[in-house]
Amino acid sequence: MTPGLTGIDHVHVYVSDRAAAERWYEQVLGFKRVEALMDWATPTGPLTVEDAGGTIHLALFERDVPQETSSLAFATDAEGFLAWKENLESKGLGLRLADHRLAYSLYFTDPWGNYHEITTYERDEVAAGLQAGSGAAKANKH
């Protein structure tokens, strides 16, 4: 059985000037930065902006050369995250598990090279589940 998803968490948007993009998204679409995620807004990390309702999130990445593929991040809860990890591993997908301190993410690509992510902000519950599932489970720190 395929595990459930709760929605799209965020979309990666690649721009050559992140500050200008933040202004444009605010002026044109009313998006505001997500203060709780500003720790990630490093030179190589995302500046996350959201719509007024907090239901649409864009992760603005500054790159000189735009990415040629899209990247979708799907949201789930801790139980779903652990089920997705098992499900995707069973299909032979090369997964990258990342502990982002505020969230956990699974990264993988489709056959055409498009990047996908399944993420949860129930970080502590996932950490406990990984510990219980395999004491040797390791995650990349982001």
C-alpha atoms as a PDB file:
ATOM      1  CA  MET A   1       0.000   0.000   0.000  1.00  0.00           C
ATOM      2  CA  THR A   2       1.268   3.461  -0.885  1.00  0.00           C
ATOM      3  CA  PRO A   3       1.736   5.800   2.124  1.00  0.00           C
ATOM      4  CA  GLY A   4      -0.299   9.034   2.169  1.00  0.00           C
ATOM      5  CA  LEU A   5       0.905  12.578   1.569  1.00  0.00           C
ATOM      6  CA  THR A   6      -0.570  15.712   3.132  1.00  0.00           C
ATOM      7  CA  GLY A   7       0.286  18.189   0.369  1.00  0.00           C
ATOM      8  CA  ILE A   8       3.161  19.981  -1.317  1.00  0.00           C
ATOM      9  CA  ASP A   9       5.389  21.528   1.334  1.00  0.00           C
ATOM     10  CA  HIS A  10       7.345  23.954  -0.845  1.00  0.00           C
ATOM     11  CA  VAL A  11       8.688  24.524  -4.344  1.00  0.00           C
ATOM     12  CA  HIS A  12      12.335  25.335  -5.048  1.00  0.00           C
ATOM     13  CA  VAL A  13      12.724  28.475  -7.145  1.00  0.00           C
ATOM     14  CA  TYR A  14      16.162  29.316  -8.534  1.00  0.00           C
ATOM     15  CA  VAL A  15      16.974  33.006  -9.031  1.00  0.00           C
ATOM     16  CA  SER A  16      20.096  35.032  -9.790  1.00  0.00           C
ATOM     17  CA  ASP A  17      19.311  37.679  -7.124  1.00  0.00           C
ATOM     18  CA  ARG A  18      17.504  36.349  -4.066  1.00  0.00           C
ATOM     19  CA  ALA A  19      16.940  39.786  -2.467  1.00  0.00           C
ATOM     20  CA  ALA A  20      15.336  41.089  -5.672  1.00  0.00           C
ATOM     21  CA  ALA A  21      13.252  37.908  -5.926  1.00  0.00           C
ATOM     22  CA  GLU A  22      12.047  38.290  -2.343  1.00  0.00           C
ATOM     23  CA  ARG A  23      10.931  41.870  -3.125  1.00  0.00           C
ATOM     24  CA  TRP A  24       9.226  40.770  -6.353  1.00  0.00           C
ATOM     25  CA  TYR A  25       7.320  37.907  -4.698  1.00  0.00           C
ATOM     26  CA  GLU A  26       6.248  40.242  -1.907  1.00  0.00           C
ATOM     27  CA  GLN A  27       5.192  43.057  -4.241  1.00  0.00           C
ATOM     28  CA  VAL A  28       3.536  40.926  -6.889  1.00  0.00           C
ATOM     29  CA  LEU A  29       2.083  38.006  -4.908  1.00  0.00           C
ATOM     30  CA  GLY A  30       2.141  39.219  -1.312  1.00  0.00           C
ATOM     31  CA  PHE A  31       4.599  36.554  -0.134  1.00  0.00           C
ATOM     32  CA  LYS A  32       6.512  37.264   3.100  1.00  0.00           C
ATOM     33  CA  ARG A  33       9.615  35.592   4.451  1.00  0.00           C
ATOM     34  CA  VAL A  34       9.101  32.805   6.976  1.00  0.00           C
ATOM     35  CA  GLU A  35      11.010  34.072  10.002  1.00  0.00           C
ATOM     36  CA  ALA A  36      11.022  30.647  11.694  1.00  0.00           C
ATOM     37  CA  LEU A  37      13.104  29.231   8.806  1.00  0.00           C
ATOM     38  CA  MET A  38      15.633  32.057   8.465  1.00  0.00           C
ATOM     39  CA  ASP A  39      18.434  29.837   9.860  1.00  0.00           C
ATOM     40  CA  TRP A  40      18.391  28.146   6.453  1.00  0.00           C
ATOM     41  CA  ALA A  41      18.808  31.411   4.503  1.00  0.00           C
ATOM     42  CA  THR A  42      22.567  30.987   4.139  1.00  0.00           C
ATOM     43  CA  PRO A  43      24.385  31.840   0.892  1.00  0.00           C
ATOM     44  CA  THR A  44      23.684  28.327  -0.412  1.00  0.00           C
ATOM     45  CA  GLY A  45      20.455  27.639   1.474  1.00  0.00           C
ATOM     46  CA  PRO A  46      16.876  28.701   0.823  1.00  0.00           C
ATOM     47  CA  LEU A  47      15.103  31.879   1.814  1.00  0.00           C
ATOM     48  CA  THR A  48      11.565  30.615   2.375  1.00  0.00           C
ATOM     49  CA  VAL A  49       8.618  32.888   1.591  1.00  0.00           C
ATOM     50  CA  GLU A  50       4.927  32.120   1.973  1.00  0.00           C
ATOM     51  CA  ASP A  51       1.551  33.450   0.922  1.00  0.00           C
ATOM     52  CA  ALA A  52      -0.660  35.327   3.396  1.00  0.00           C
ATOM     53  CA  GLY A  53      -2.491  32.132   4.355  1.00  0.00           C
ATOM     54  CA  GLY A  54       0.745  30.255   4.998  1.00  0.00           C
ATOM     55  CA  THR A  55      -0.303  27.481   2.624  1.00  0.00           C
ATOM     56  CA  ILE A  56       2.095  28.109  -0.294  1.00  0.00           C
ATOM     57  CA  HIS A  57       5.829  28.103   0.349  1.00  0.00           C
ATOM     58  CA  LEU A  58       8.615  28.954  -2.064  1.00  0.00           C
ATOM     59  CA  ALA A  59      12.238  28.219  -1.235  1.00  0.00           C
ATOM     60  CA  LEU A  60      14.299  30.871  -3.038  1.00  0.00           C
ATOM     61  CA  PHE A  61      17.785  29.643  -3.942  1.00  0.00           C
ATOM     62  CA  GLU A  62      20.317  32.004  -5.463  1.00  0.00           C
ATOM     63  CA  ARG A  63      22.170  30.486  -8.408  1.00  0.00           C
ATOM     64  CA  ASP A  64      24.104  32.092 -11.236  1.00  0.00           C
ATOM     65  CA  VAL A  65      22.931  29.383 -13.606  1.00  0.00           C
ATOM     66  CA  PRO A  66      19.295  28.319 -13.232  1.00  0.00           C
ATOM     67  CA  GLN A  67      18.573  24.668 -12.538  1.00  0.00           C
ATOM     68  CA  GLU A  68      17.326  22.693 -15.512  1.00  0.00           C
ATOM     69  CA  THR A  69      15.028  20.485 -13.453  1.00  0.00           C
ATOM     70  CA  SER A  70      12.184  21.098 -11.050  1.00  0.00           C
ATOM     71  CA  SER A  71      12.111  20.053  -7.430  1.00  0.00           C
ATOM     72  CA  LEU A  72       8.929  19.352  -5.511  1.00  0.00           C
ATOM     73  CA  ALA A  73       8.810  18.872  -1.752  1.00  0.00           C
ATOM     74  CA  PHE A  74       5.865  16.891  -0.452  1.00  0.00           C
ATOM     75  CA  ALA A  75       4.702  17.211   3.156  1.00  0.00           C
ATOM     76  CA  THR A  76       3.844  14.359   5.502  1.00  0.00           C
ATOM     77  CA  ASP A  77       3.785  13.566   9.207  1.00  0.00           C
ATOM     78  CA  ALA A  78       6.391  11.514  11.100  1.00  0.00           C
ATOM     79  CA  GLU A  79       4.579   8.212  10.620  1.00  0.00           C
ATOM     80  CA  GLY A  80       4.164   8.889   6.902  1.00  0.00           C
ATOM     81  CA  PHE A  81       7.814   9.929   6.585  1.00  0.00           C
ATOM     82  CA  LEU A  82       9.052   6.651   8.034  1.00  0.00           C
ATOM     83  CA  ALA A  83       6.603   4.718   5.820  1.00  0.00           C
ATOM     84  CA  TRP A  84       7.784   6.629   2.737  1.00  0.00           C
ATOM     85  CA  LYS A  85      11.425   5.890   3.585  1.00  0.00           C
ATOM     86  CA  GLU A  86      10.658   2.171   3.737  1.00  0.00           C
ATOM     87  CA  ASN A  87       8.439   2.304   0.634  1.00  0.00           C
ATOM     88  CA  LEU A  88      10.972   4.159  -1.528  1.00  0.00           C
ATOM     89  CA  GLU A  89      13.866   1.988  -0.361  1.00  0.00           C
ATOM     90  CA  SER A  90      11.823  -1.092  -1.288  1.00  0.00           C
ATOM     91  CA  LYS A  91      11.556   0.275  -4.832  1.00  0.00           C
ATOM     92  CA  GLY A  92      15.346   0.538  -5.070  1.00  0.00           C
ATOM     93  CA  LEU A  93      15.480   4.337  -5.200  1.00  0.00           C
ATOM     94  CA  GLY A  94      18.706   5.980  -4.109  1.00  0.00           C
ATOM     95  CA  LEU A  95      17.583   8.090  -1.163  1.00  0.00           C
ATOM     96  CA  ARG A  96      19.405  10.826   0.684  1.00  0.00           C
ATOM     97  CA  LEU A  97      18.157  11.226   4.233  1.00  0.00           C
ATOM     98  CA  ALA A  98      18.803  14.672   5.692  1.00  0.00           C
ATOM     99  CA  ASP A  99      18.373  15.945   9.245  1.00  0.00           C
ATOM    100  CA  HIS A 100      17.817  19.700   8.841  1.00  0.00           C
ATOM    101  CA  ARG A 101      17.625  20.325  12.626  1.00  0.00           C
ATOM    102  CA  LEU A 102      14.064  21.649  12.209  1.00  0.00           C
ATOM    103  CA  ALA A 103      12.846  18.925   9.859  1.00  0.00           C
ATOM    104  CA  TYR A 104      13.756  15.655   8.204  1.00  0.00           C
ATOM    105  CA  SER A 105      13.794  15.202   4.424  1.00  0.00           C
ATOM    106  CA  LEU A 106      14.151  12.347   1.968  1.00  0.00           C
ATOM    107  CA  TYR A 107      15.605  13.325  -1.417  1.00  0.00           C
ATOM    108  CA  PHE A 108      15.399  11.293  -4.624  1.00  0.00           C
ATOM    109  CA  THR A 109      15.075  11.772  -8.376  1.00  0.00           C
ATOM    110  CA  ASP A 110      12.632  10.531 -10.955  1.00  0.00           C
ATOM    111  CA  PRO A 111      13.888   8.759 -14.098  1.00  0.00           C
ATOM    112  CA  TRP A 112      14.152  12.096 -15.915  1.00  0.00           C
ATOM    113  CA  GLY A 113      16.345  13.751 -13.298  1.00  0.00           C
ATOM    114  CA  ASN A 114      13.672  15.828 -11.545  1.00  0.00           C
ATOM    115  CA  TYR A 115      14.360  16.183  -7.849  1.00  0.00           C
ATOM    116  CA  HIS A 116      11.762  15.302  -5.257  1.00  0.00           C
ATOM    117  CA  GLU A 117      11.659  15.631  -1.502  1.00  0.00           C
ATOM    118  CA  ILE A 118       9.390  14.276   1.195  1.00  0.00           C
ATOM    119  CA  THR A 119       9.652  16.335   4.346  1.00  0.00           C
ATOM    120  CA  THR A 120       8.227  16.512   7.855  1.00  0.00           C
ATOM    121  CA  TYR A 121       8.601  19.020  10.648  1.00  0.00           C
ATOM    122  CA  GLU A 122       7.904  16.296  13.209  1.00  0.00           C
ATOM    123  CA  ARG A 123      11.665  16.002  13.538  1.00  0.00           C
ATOM    124  CA  ASP A 124      11.900  14.488  17.020  1.00  0.00           C
ATOM    125  CA  GLU A 125       9.358  11.778  16.236  1.00  0.00           C
ATOM    126  CA  VAL A 126      11.281  10.795  13.088  1.00  0.00           C
ATOM    127  CA  ALA A 127      14.593  10.756  14.972  1.00  0.00           C
ATOM    128  CA  ALA A 128      13.059   8.402  17.554  1.00  0.00           C
ATOM    129  CA  GLY A 129      11.602   6.218  14.796  1.00  0.00           C
ATOM    130  CA  LEU A 130      14.932   6.014  12.996  1.00  0.00           C
ATOM    131  CA  GLN A 131      16.690   5.160  16.255  1.00  0.00           C
ATOM    132  CA  ALA A 132      14.154   2.420  17.015  1.00  0.00           C
ATOM    133  CA  GLY A 133      14.215   1.080  13.448  1.00  0.00           C
ATOM    134  CA  SER A 134      17.961   0.782  13.153  1.00  0.00           C
ATOM    135  CA  GLY A 135      20.444   1.974  15.703  1.00  0.00           C
ATOM    136  CA  ALA A 136      22.890   2.711  12.897  1.00  0.00           C
ATOM    137  CA  ALA A 137      20.569   5.047  10.971  1.00  0.00           C
ATOM    138  CA  LYS A 138      22.488   8.155   9.991  1.00  0.00           C
ATOM    139  CA  ALA A 139      21.340  11.363   8.346  1.00  0.00           C
ATOM    140  CA  ASN A 140      23.200  14.148   6.584  1.00  0.00           C
ATOM    141  CA  LYS A 141      23.138  17.422   8.542  1.00  0.00           C
ATOM    142  CA  HIS A 142      21.926  20.460   6.553  1.00  0.00           C
END
